[in-house]
């Protein structure tokens, strides 16, 4: 019985982390597309468990980092470093989100 419970917990933790990684990758793709970045930024969604806020489509803290990128049509803008923390990200549909507060970091 204890082994079964351990296996169930392990499966849930692995599923939680896999869903977190997938969602971070999808958010990174959306940021890359919306800012016309030359590369995909690094996105980290804070918190555990992940599946609970993901089900509500509300994330407490999301960090975005990119460096040595170009942005805009034809790479008109060079970005040495982009670092931001998004507080209170609420997902609406497939391509919309609202942010309660964002904090650029230096």
N, C-alpha and C. Protein backbone atom coordinates (compact mmCIF):
# COMPACT_ATOMS: atom_id res chain seq x y z
N UNK A 1 0.82 -1.20 0.00
CA UNK A 1 0.00 0.00 0.00
C UNK A 1 0.86 1.26 0.00
N UNK A 2 1.91 1.28 0.83
CA UNK A 2 2.78 2.46 0.90
C UNK A 2 3.52 2.66 -0.41
N UNK A 3 3.91 1.56 -1.06
CA UNK A 3 4.61 1.66 -2.35
C UNK A 3 3.68 2.25 -3.40
N UNK A 4 2.41 1.84 -3.40
CA UNK A 4 1.43 2.36 -4.34
C UNK A 4 1.24 3.86 -4.14
N UNK A 5 1.14 4.30 -2.91
CA UNK A 5 0.99 5.71 -2.61
C UNK A 5 2.22 6.50 -3.06
N UNK A 6 3.40 5.94 -2.83
CA UNK A 6 4.64 6.59 -3.28
C UNK A 6 4.67 6.72 -4.80
N UNK A 7 4.25 5.70 -5.50
CA UNK A 7 4.23 5.73 -6.97
C UNK A 7 3.24 6.78 -7.46
N UNK A 8 2.08 6.85 -6.84
CA UNK A 8 1.07 7.84 -7.22
C UNK A 8 1.62 9.25 -7.00
N UNK A 9 2.23 9.49 -5.87
CA UNK A 9 2.81 10.81 -5.59
C UNK A 9 3.90 11.14 -6.59
N UNK A 10 4.76 10.17 -6.89
CA UNK A 10 5.82 10.38 -7.87
C UNK A 10 5.26 10.73 -9.25
N UNK A 11 4.23 10.02 -9.67
CA UNK A 11 3.60 10.29 -10.98
C UNK A 11 3.00 11.70 -10.99
N UNK A 12 2.35 12.09 -9.92
CA UNK A 12 1.76 13.43 -9.85
C UNK A 12 2.83 14.53 -9.89
N UNK A 13 3.94 14.33 -9.19
CA UNK A 13 5.02 15.32 -9.18
C UNK A 13 5.65 15.41 -10.57
N UNK A 14 5.88 14.27 -11.21
CA UNK A 14 6.46 14.28 -12.57
C UNK A 14 5.50 14.96 -13.54
N UNK A 15 4.22 14.67 -13.45
CA UNK A 15 3.22 15.31 -14.33
C UNK A 15 3.19 16.81 -14.09
N UNK A 16 3.29 17.24 -12.83
CA UNK A 16 3.29 18.66 -12.49
C UNK A 16 4.49 19.36 -13.12
N UNK A 17 5.67 18.78 -12.97
CA UNK A 17 6.89 19.39 -13.51
C UNK A 17 6.88 19.39 -15.04
N UNK A 18 6.36 18.33 -15.65
CA UNK A 18 6.28 18.27 -17.12
C UNK A 18 5.32 19.34 -17.65
N UNK A 19 4.19 19.50 -16.99
CA UNK A 19 3.23 20.54 -17.39
C UNK A 19 3.84 21.92 -17.22
N UNK A 20 4.61 22.12 -16.15
CA UNK A 20 5.29 23.39 -15.92
C UNK A 20 6.28 23.69 -17.05
N UNK A 21 7.09 22.71 -17.40
CA UNK A 21 8.09 22.90 -18.47
C UNK A 21 7.42 23.17 -19.81
N UNK A 22 6.37 22.46 -20.12
CA UNK A 22 5.64 22.67 -21.37
C UNK A 22 5.06 24.08 -21.44
N UNK A 23 4.44 24.52 -20.36
CA UNK A 23 3.83 25.84 -20.32
C UNK A 23 4.88 26.95 -20.41
N UNK A 24 6.02 26.77 -19.74
CA UNK A 24 7.11 27.74 -19.86
C UNK A 24 7.57 27.86 -21.30
N UNK A 25 7.70 26.73 -21.99
CA UNK A 25 8.12 26.74 -23.40
C UNK A 25 7.09 27.45 -24.27
N UNK A 26 5.81 27.20 -24.02
CA UNK A 26 4.76 27.85 -24.80
C UNK A 26 4.73 29.36 -24.55
N UNK A 27 4.91 29.77 -23.29
CA UNK A 27 4.96 31.20 -22.97
C UNK A 27 6.17 31.86 -23.65
N UNK A 28 7.30 31.17 -23.64
CA UNK A 28 8.50 31.70 -24.28
C UNK A 28 8.26 31.91 -25.77
N UNK A 29 7.59 30.97 -26.40
CA UNK A 29 7.27 31.11 -27.82
C UNK A 29 6.36 32.30 -28.07
N UNK A 30 5.37 32.51 -27.19
CA UNK A 30 4.46 33.63 -27.33
C UNK A 30 5.19 34.97 -27.15
N UNK A 31 6.09 35.04 -26.16
CA UNK A 31 6.86 36.27 -25.95
C UNK A 31 7.75 36.53 -27.16
N UNK A 32 8.41 35.49 -27.66
CA UNK A 32 9.26 35.64 -28.83
C UNK A 32 8.46 36.17 -30.02
N UNK A 33 7.31 35.61 -30.24
CA UNK A 33 6.46 36.02 -31.35
C UNK A 33 5.95 37.45 -31.18
N UNK A 34 5.44 37.76 -30.00
CA UNK A 34 4.83 39.08 -29.79
C UNK A 34 5.85 40.21 -29.81
N UNK A 35 7.09 39.94 -29.40
CA UNK A 35 8.13 40.98 -29.42
C UNK A 35 9.02 40.88 -30.65
N UNK A 36 8.75 39.89 -31.51
CA UNK A 36 9.56 39.64 -32.71
C UNK A 36 11.03 39.48 -32.34
N UNK A 37 11.29 38.68 -31.31
CA UNK A 37 12.67 38.43 -30.88
C UNK A 37 13.34 37.42 -31.81
N UNK A 38 14.65 37.55 -31.96
CA UNK A 38 15.39 36.63 -32.81
C UNK A 38 15.50 35.23 -32.19
N UNK A 39 15.42 35.15 -30.88
CA UNK A 39 15.51 33.87 -30.19
C UNK A 39 14.45 33.77 -29.11
N UNK A 40 14.27 32.56 -28.59
CA UNK A 40 13.28 32.33 -27.55
C UNK A 40 13.84 32.73 -26.20
N UNK A 41 13.13 33.56 -25.44
CA UNK A 41 13.60 33.93 -24.10
C UNK A 41 13.45 32.77 -23.13
N UNK A 42 14.07 32.89 -21.98
CA UNK A 42 13.94 31.89 -20.92
C UNK A 42 12.79 32.34 -20.02
N UNK A 43 11.80 31.49 -19.84
CA UNK A 43 10.64 31.80 -19.00
C UNK A 43 10.60 30.82 -17.84
N UNK A 44 10.41 31.34 -16.64
CA UNK A 44 10.28 30.51 -15.44
C UNK A 44 8.99 30.88 -14.73
N UNK A 45 8.13 29.89 -14.52
CA UNK A 45 6.90 30.09 -13.76
C UNK A 45 7.18 29.59 -12.35
N UNK A 46 7.06 30.49 -11.39
CA UNK A 46 7.36 30.16 -10.00
C UNK A 46 6.19 29.42 -9.35
N UNK A 47 6.52 28.57 -8.40
CA UNK A 47 5.49 27.96 -7.56
C UNK A 47 5.34 26.47 -7.75
N UNK A 48 4.94 25.83 -6.67
CA UNK A 48 4.63 24.40 -6.66
C UNK A 48 3.45 24.20 -5.73
N UNK A 49 2.47 23.46 -6.08
CA UNK A 49 2.31 22.74 -7.33
C UNK A 49 1.96 23.68 -8.47
N UNK A 50 2.22 23.26 -9.69
CA UNK A 50 1.95 24.06 -10.87
C UNK A 50 0.54 23.84 -11.39
N UNK A 51 0.05 22.62 -11.33
CA UNK A 51 -1.23 22.29 -11.96
C UNK A 51 -2.42 23.04 -11.36
N UNK A 52 -2.38 23.38 -10.10
CA UNK A 52 -3.48 24.11 -9.48
C UNK A 52 -3.66 25.49 -10.08
N UNK A 53 -2.61 26.36 -10.09
CA UNK A 53 -2.80 27.66 -10.75
C UNK A 53 -2.98 27.54 -12.26
N UNK A 54 -2.40 26.51 -12.88
CA UNK A 54 -2.58 26.32 -14.32
C UNK A 54 -4.04 26.04 -14.64
N UNK A 55 -4.69 25.28 -13.80
CA UNK A 55 -6.11 25.00 -13.99
C UNK A 55 -6.95 26.26 -13.90
N UNK A 56 -6.55 27.18 -13.03
CA UNK A 56 -7.24 28.46 -12.90
C UNK A 56 -6.78 29.46 -13.94
N UNK A 57 -5.66 29.14 -14.62
CA UNK A 57 -5.04 30.01 -15.62
C UNK A 57 -4.57 31.32 -15.00
N UNK A 58 -4.12 31.24 -13.77
CA UNK A 58 -3.59 32.38 -13.02
C UNK A 58 -2.24 31.98 -12.43
N UNK A 59 -1.23 32.79 -12.71
CA UNK A 59 0.11 32.50 -12.22
C UNK A 59 0.58 33.67 -11.37
N UNK A 60 1.11 33.37 -10.20
CA UNK A 60 1.54 34.40 -9.26
C UNK A 60 2.76 35.16 -9.77
N UNK A 61 3.82 34.43 -10.18
CA UNK A 61 5.06 35.08 -10.60
C UNK A 61 5.65 34.36 -11.81
N UNK A 62 5.96 35.15 -12.85
CA UNK A 62 6.59 34.62 -14.06
C UNK A 62 7.82 35.48 -14.35
N UNK A 63 8.97 34.84 -14.50
CA UNK A 63 10.21 35.56 -14.83
C UNK A 63 10.54 35.34 -16.30
N UNK A 64 10.95 36.42 -16.98
CA UNK A 64 11.34 36.35 -18.38
C UNK A 64 12.74 36.93 -18.52
N UNK A 65 13.64 36.19 -19.18
CA UNK A 65 15.01 36.63 -19.39
C UNK A 65 15.42 36.37 -20.82
N UNK A 66 16.10 37.34 -21.42
CA UNK A 66 16.67 37.18 -22.75
C UNK A 66 17.92 38.04 -22.82
N UNK A 67 18.87 37.62 -23.63
CA UNK A 67 20.07 38.44 -23.82
C UNK A 67 20.60 38.25 -25.23
N UNK A 68 21.27 39.30 -25.70
CA UNK A 68 21.87 39.29 -27.03
C UNK A 68 20.86 38.91 -28.11
N UNK A 69 19.74 39.61 -28.12
CA UNK A 69 18.67 39.35 -29.09
C UNK A 69 18.46 40.58 -29.96
N UNK A 70 17.80 40.38 -31.07
CA UNK A 70 17.31 41.49 -31.88
C UNK A 70 15.79 41.39 -31.88
N UNK A 71 15.15 42.53 -32.08
CA UNK A 71 13.70 42.56 -32.07
C UNK A 71 13.20 43.46 -33.19
N UNK A 72 11.92 43.30 -33.49
CA UNK A 72 11.30 44.12 -34.51
C UNK A 72 11.54 43.58 -35.90
N UNK A 73 10.82 44.15 -36.87
CA UNK A 73 10.99 43.71 -38.26
C UNK A 73 12.42 43.94 -38.74
N UNK A 74 13.03 42.90 -39.24
CA UNK A 74 14.39 43.02 -39.74
C UNK A 74 15.44 43.18 -38.65
N UNK A 75 15.09 42.90 -37.40
CA UNK A 75 16.06 43.00 -36.30
C UNK A 75 16.56 44.41 -36.07
N UNK A 76 15.66 45.39 -36.13
CA UNK A 76 16.02 46.80 -36.01
C UNK A 76 16.51 47.19 -34.63
N UNK A 77 16.10 46.46 -33.62
CA UNK A 77 16.44 46.81 -32.24
C UNK A 77 17.33 45.72 -31.65
N UNK A 78 18.48 46.11 -31.12
CA UNK A 78 19.37 45.16 -30.46
C UNK A 78 19.11 45.20 -28.96
N UNK A 79 18.91 44.05 -28.37
CA UNK A 79 18.63 43.94 -26.94
C UNK A 79 19.80 43.21 -26.29
N UNK A 80 20.55 43.94 -25.46
CA UNK A 80 21.67 43.32 -24.75
C UNK A 80 21.15 42.41 -23.65
N UNK A 81 20.13 42.87 -22.91
CA UNK A 81 19.59 42.09 -21.82
C UNK A 81 18.16 42.52 -21.53
N UNK A 82 17.28 41.55 -21.38
CA UNK A 82 15.89 41.80 -21.03
C UNK A 82 15.55 40.89 -19.86
N UNK A 83 15.18 41.49 -18.75
CA UNK A 83 14.80 40.73 -17.56
C UNK A 83 13.57 41.39 -16.96
N UNK A 84 12.51 40.60 -16.78
CA UNK A 84 11.27 41.14 -16.21
C UNK A 84 10.62 40.08 -15.32
N UNK A 85 9.95 40.56 -14.29
CA UNK A 85 9.14 39.70 -13.44
C UNK A 85 7.70 40.15 -13.57
N UNK A 86 6.82 39.22 -13.93
CA UNK A 86 5.40 39.49 -14.07
C UNK A 86 4.69 38.97 -12.83
N UNK A 87 3.92 39.83 -12.19
CA UNK A 87 3.18 39.45 -10.98
C UNK A 87 1.69 39.40 -11.33
N UNK A 88 1.05 38.29 -11.04
CA UNK A 88 -0.39 38.17 -11.28
C UNK A 88 -0.71 38.05 -12.76
N UNK A 89 -0.23 37.01 -13.41
CA UNK A 89 -0.52 36.80 -14.83
C UNK A 89 -1.78 35.97 -14.96
N UNK A 90 -2.76 36.49 -15.71
CA UNK A 90 -4.05 35.83 -15.89
C UNK A 90 -4.23 35.55 -17.38
N UNK A 91 -4.35 34.28 -17.73
CA UNK A 91 -4.47 33.86 -19.13
C UNK A 91 -5.93 33.89 -19.55
N UNK A 92 -6.19 34.51 -20.72
CA UNK A 92 -7.54 34.60 -21.29
C UNK A 92 -7.48 34.04 -22.70
N UNK A 93 -8.04 32.88 -22.92
CA UNK A 93 -8.00 32.28 -24.25
C UNK A 93 -6.61 31.74 -24.58
N UNK A 94 -6.32 31.62 -25.87
CA UNK A 94 -5.06 31.04 -26.28
C UNK A 94 -3.93 32.05 -26.43
N UNK A 95 -4.25 33.31 -26.72
CA UNK A 95 -3.19 34.28 -27.01
C UNK A 95 -3.33 35.59 -26.26
N UNK A 96 -4.10 35.61 -25.19
CA UNK A 96 -4.27 36.84 -24.42
C UNK A 96 -3.96 36.60 -22.96
N UNK A 97 -3.38 37.61 -22.34
CA UNK A 97 -3.10 37.56 -20.91
C UNK A 97 -3.12 38.97 -20.36
N UNK A 98 -3.48 39.09 -19.10
CA UNK A 98 -3.35 40.37 -18.41
C UNK A 98 -2.37 40.17 -17.26
N UNK A 99 -1.67 41.24 -16.94
CA UNK A 99 -0.66 41.21 -15.89
C UNK A 99 -1.04 42.26 -14.86
N UNK A 100 -1.08 41.87 -13.58
CA UNK A 100 -1.37 42.84 -12.53
C UNK A 100 -0.25 43.86 -12.39
N UNK A 101 0.99 43.38 -12.44
CA UNK A 101 2.14 44.26 -12.27
C UNK A 101 3.37 43.62 -12.91
N UNK A 102 4.19 44.41 -13.55
CA UNK A 102 5.45 43.89 -14.09
C UNK A 102 6.60 44.72 -13.51
N UNK A 103 7.70 44.05 -13.28
CA UNK A 103 8.87 44.71 -12.69
C UNK A 103 10.08 44.42 -13.55
N UNK A 104 10.54 45.42 -14.32
CA UNK A 104 11.80 45.21 -15.04
C UNK A 104 12.93 45.18 -14.05
N UNK A 105 13.92 44.33 -14.28
CA UNK A 105 15.08 44.26 -13.37
C UNK A 105 16.32 44.67 -14.12
N UNK A 106 17.24 45.22 -13.41
CA UNK A 106 18.52 45.64 -14.01
C UNK A 106 19.64 44.81 -13.50
